[in-house]
Each structure stands twice: as structure tokens, then as C-alpha cells.
């Protein structure tokens, strides 16, 4: 019960960085989920609908990749080094950046 109360209190006001209000999400107010390719939002005309099991309305549209976009995703994956981007030995600065990001996330979660 306490966790439900905390969740309701948290969702009563959205932070400024939120892009979707989950309370207002519905069939009459749907959201389109986009793909991220090389750090940019990418959409196509192809979408698949996600149906709300509570009322049967389609409340999300997932952007699907066409063949040309699929090849771009494959090429993007092939450009990543074999050791990955998150190797702490080869990319120390990235781990310092992630520490800062998680610190800021924790600070946001502490706000009332």
C-alpha cells in the first residue's frame, strides 16, 4: 500500500524532462515510439499498434524499420569496436560520465 501511495505521489507531477504523461496516455491520446539511430530519432511510415488490455484501445504505435533502415542499423552496429563502447579499460571517460548521469538521476528521484 505504501509503495502504491509513493507511486501515485510521484506521478502527480511530471518532471520537466518527461516526454509522455502516462496518466493521459490513451486511445484518444496515443504516443508514437521512435527508433534511435546514431543518436537521432528515426521514424518510418511503418508502425505496429500496442493494445491496452484494459479497454482494447490502441494507445502506442511502435515505429518499425523498413529494409533501408534495417541496413543502416546493421552498419551502425558494425561500426562499434569488438570490445564495445562500454569497456572501462579502453574508455575510462565514459564510466566517469555514467557516474555523473546516475548521480543526477538519483538527485531527481529524491525530489518531492
C-alpha atoms as a PDB file:
ATOM      1  CA  UNK A   1       0.000   0.000   0.000  1.00  0.00           C
ATOM      2  CA  UNK A   2       2.807   2.400   0.861  1.00  0.00           C
ATOM      3  CA  UNK A   3       4.569   1.808  -2.459  1.00  0.00           C
ATOM      4  CA  UNK A   4       1.301   2.487  -4.317  1.00  0.00           C
ATOM      5  CA  UNK A   5       0.943   5.789  -2.460  1.00  0.00           C
ATOM      6  CA  UNK A   6       4.526   6.776  -3.311  1.00  0.00           C
ATOM      7  CA  UNK A   7       3.960   5.927  -6.965  1.00  0.00           C
ATOM      8  CA  UNK A   8       0.767   7.995  -7.074  1.00  0.00           C
ATOM      9  CA  UNK A   9       2.514  10.940  -5.405  1.00  0.00           C
ATOM     10  CA  UNK A  10       5.435  10.678  -7.820  1.00  0.00           C
ATOM     11  CA  UNK A  11       3.142  10.609 -10.865  1.00  0.00           C
ATOM     12  CA  UNK A  12       1.049  13.568  -9.673  1.00  0.00           C
ATOM     13  CA  UNK A  13       3.574  15.979 -11.171  1.00  0.00           C
ATOM     14  CA  UNK A  14       5.777  15.109 -14.107  1.00  0.00           C
ATOM     15  CA  UNK A  15       9.376  16.295 -14.207  1.00  0.00           C
ATOM     16  CA  UNK A  16      10.246  18.741 -16.980  1.00  0.00           C
ATOM     17  CA  UNK A  17      12.332  16.135 -18.844  1.00  0.00           C
ATOM     18  CA  UNK A  18       9.387  13.712 -19.240  1.00  0.00           C
ATOM     19  CA  UNK A  19       8.074  13.436 -22.796  1.00  0.00           C
ATOM     20  CA  UNK A  20       4.962  11.337 -22.098  1.00  0.00           C
ATOM     21  CA  UNK A  21       2.358  11.646 -19.360  1.00  0.00           C
ATOM     22  CA  UNK A  22       1.430   8.038 -18.530  1.00  0.00           C
ATOM     23  CA  UNK A  23      -1.822   9.115 -16.888  1.00  0.00           C
ATOM     24  CA  UNK A  24      -3.072  10.843 -20.065  1.00  0.00           C
ATOM     25  CA  UNK A  25      -1.878   8.051 -22.379  1.00  0.00           C
ATOM     26  CA  UNK A  26      -4.943   6.505 -24.045  1.00  0.00           C
ATOM     27  CA  UNK A  27      -6.523   5.598 -27.357  1.00  0.00           C
ATOM     28  CA  UNK A  28      -7.568   9.223 -27.869  1.00  0.00           C
ATOM     29  CA  UNK A  29      -4.089  10.449 -26.847  1.00  0.00           C
ATOM     30  CA  UNK A  30      -1.649   7.847 -28.271  1.00  0.00           C
ATOM     31  CA  UNK A  31       2.141   8.034 -28.272  1.00  0.00           C
ATOM     32  CA  UNK A  32       4.491   7.011 -31.091  1.00  0.00           C
ATOM     33  CA  UNK A  33       7.671   5.239 -30.002  1.00  0.00           C
ATOM     34  CA  UNK A  34      10.613   6.161 -32.241  1.00  0.00           C
ATOM     35  CA  UNK A  35      13.849   4.364 -33.074  1.00  0.00           C
ATOM     36  CA  UNK A  36      17.216   5.879 -32.193  1.00  0.00           C
ATOM     37  CA  UNK A  37      19.897   5.591 -34.861  1.00  0.00           C
ATOM     38  CA  UNK A  38      23.281   7.251 -34.368  1.00  0.00           C
ATOM     39  CA  UNK A  39      21.811   9.440 -31.611  1.00  0.00           C
ATOM     40  CA  UNK A  40      18.888  10.751 -33.677  1.00  0.00           C
ATOM     41  CA  UNK A  41      15.174   9.899 -33.639  1.00  0.00           C
ATOM     42  CA  UNK A  42      14.181   7.960 -36.736  1.00  0.00           C
ATOM     43  CA  UNK A  43      10.619   7.193 -37.791  1.00  0.00           C
ATOM     44  CA  UNK A  44       9.118   5.442 -40.780  1.00  0.00           C
ATOM     45  CA  UNK A  45       5.599   5.055 -42.094  1.00  0.00           C
ATOM     46  CA  UNK A  46       5.549   1.509 -40.736  1.00  0.00           C
ATOM     47  CA  UNK A  47       4.119   1.136 -37.246  1.00  0.00           C
ATOM     48  CA  UNK A  48       2.731  -1.628 -35.110  1.00  0.00           C
ATOM     49  CA  UNK A  49      -0.022  -0.884 -32.622  1.00  0.00           C
ATOM     50  CA  UNK A  50       0.087  -1.837 -28.943  1.00  0.00           C
ATOM     51  CA  UNK A  51      -3.346  -2.503 -27.489  1.00  0.00           C
ATOM     52  CA  UNK A  52      -4.310  -1.566 -23.941  1.00  0.00           C
ATOM     53  CA  UNK A  53      -5.547  -4.801 -22.309  1.00  0.00           C
ATOM     54  CA  UNK A  54      -7.886  -2.837 -20.026  1.00  0.00           C
ATOM     55  CA  UNK A  55     -10.076  -1.357 -22.768  1.00  0.00           C
ATOM     56  CA  UNK A  56      -8.868  -2.720 -26.119  1.00  0.00           C
ATOM     57  CA  UNK A  57      -7.801   0.684 -27.475  1.00  0.00           C
ATOM     58  CA  UNK A  58      -4.533   1.155 -29.329  1.00  0.00           C
ATOM     59  CA  UNK A  59      -2.537   3.576 -27.172  1.00  0.00           C
ATOM     60  CA  UNK A  60       1.032   3.112 -28.502  1.00  0.00           C
ATOM     61  CA  UNK A  61       2.447   2.983 -32.021  1.00  0.00           C
ATOM     62  CA  UNK A  62       5.897   1.410 -32.327  1.00  0.00           C
ATOM     63  CA  UNK A  63       7.871   2.669 -35.299  1.00  0.00           C
ATOM     64  CA  UNK A  64       9.094  -0.286 -37.354  1.00  0.00           C
ATOM     65  CA  UNK A  65      12.199  -0.295 -39.522  1.00  0.00           C
ATOM     66  CA  UNK A  66      11.918  -0.807 -43.277  1.00  0.00           C
ATOM     67  CA  UNK A  67      14.649  -2.580 -45.283  1.00  0.00           C
ATOM     68  CA  UNK A  68      16.694   0.582 -45.925  1.00  0.00           C
ATOM     69  CA  UNK A  69      16.614   1.493 -42.237  1.00  0.00           C
ATOM     70  CA  UNK A  70      17.480  -2.071 -41.224  1.00  0.00           C
ATOM     71  CA  UNK A  71      20.690  -1.826 -43.245  1.00  0.00           C
ATOM     72  CA  UNK A  72      21.559   1.450 -41.507  1.00  0.00           C
ATOM     73  CA  UNK A  73      21.080  -0.258 -38.118  1.00  0.00           C
ATOM     74  CA  UNK A  74      23.324  -3.129 -39.221  1.00  0.00           C
ATOM     75  CA  UNK A  75      26.011  -0.718 -40.463  1.00  0.00           C
ATOM     76  CA  UNK A  76      25.790   1.234 -37.210  1.00  0.00           C
ATOM     77  CA  UNK A  77      26.298  -1.965 -35.186  1.00  0.00           C
ATOM     78  CA  UNK A  78      29.252  -2.980 -37.346  1.00  0.00           C
ATOM     79  CA  UNK A  79      30.956   0.364 -36.704  1.00  0.00           C
ATOM     80  CA  UNK A  80      31.186  -0.409 -32.962  1.00  0.00           C
ATOM     81  CA  UNK A  81      34.581  -1.835 -31.942  1.00  0.00           C
ATOM     82  CA  UNK A  82      34.700  -5.511 -30.912  1.00  0.00           C
ATOM     83  CA  UNK A  83      35.473  -4.551 -27.323  1.00  0.00           C
ATOM     84  CA  UNK A  84      32.357  -2.341 -27.253  1.00  0.00           C
ATOM     85  CA  UNK A  85      31.828   1.235 -26.213  1.00  0.00           C
ATOM     86  CA  UNK A  86      31.491   0.480 -22.513  1.00  0.00           C
ATOM     87  CA  UNK A  87      34.839  -1.169 -21.815  1.00  0.00           C
ATOM     88  CA  UNK A  88      36.149   0.521 -18.642  1.00  0.00           C
ATOM     89  CA  UNK A  89      39.782  -0.131 -19.553  1.00  0.00           C
ATOM     90  CA  UNK A  90      39.616   1.412 -23.026  1.00  0.00           C
ATOM     91  CA  UNK A  91      37.072   4.146 -22.285  1.00  0.00           C
ATOM     92  CA  UNK A  92      37.500   5.433 -18.737  1.00  0.00           C
ATOM     93  CA  UNK A  93      35.842   8.762 -19.507  1.00  0.00           C
ATOM     94  CA  UNK A  94      32.586   7.038 -20.395  1.00  0.00           C
ATOM     95  CA  UNK A  95      32.378   5.449 -16.948  1.00  0.00           C
ATOM     96  CA  UNK A  96      33.011   8.831 -15.327  1.00  0.00           C
ATOM     97  CA  UNK A  97      30.181  10.248 -17.472  1.00  0.00           C
ATOM     98  CA  UNK A  98      27.830   7.394 -16.448  1.00  0.00           C
ATOM     99  CA  UNK A  99      28.645   8.044 -12.795  1.00  0.00           C
ATOM    100  CA  UNK A 100      27.604  11.668 -13.273  1.00  0.00           C
ATOM    101  CA  UNK A 101      24.414  10.638 -15.095  1.00  0.00           C
ATOM    102  CA  UNK A 102      23.386   8.178 -12.363  1.00  0.00           C
ATOM    103  CA  UNK A 103      24.184  10.764  -9.682  1.00  0.00           C
ATOM    104  CA  UNK A 104      21.840  13.237 -11.392  1.00  0.00           C
ATOM    105  CA  UNK A 105      19.123  10.573 -11.759  1.00  0.00           C
ATOM    106  CA  UNK A 106      19.358   9.797  -8.042  1.00  0.00           C
ATOM    107  CA  UNK A 107      19.116  13.516  -7.244  1.00  0.00           C
ATOM    108  CA  UNK A 108      15.944  13.803  -9.387  1.00  0.00           C
ATOM    109  CA  UNK A 109      14.381  10.798  -7.650  1.00  0.00           C
ATOM    110  CA  UNK A 110      14.949  12.411  -4.249  1.00  0.00           C
ATOM    111  CA  UNK A 111      12.931  15.496  -5.210  1.00  0.00           C
ATOM    112  CA  UNK A 112       9.366  15.659  -3.934  1.00  0.00           C
END
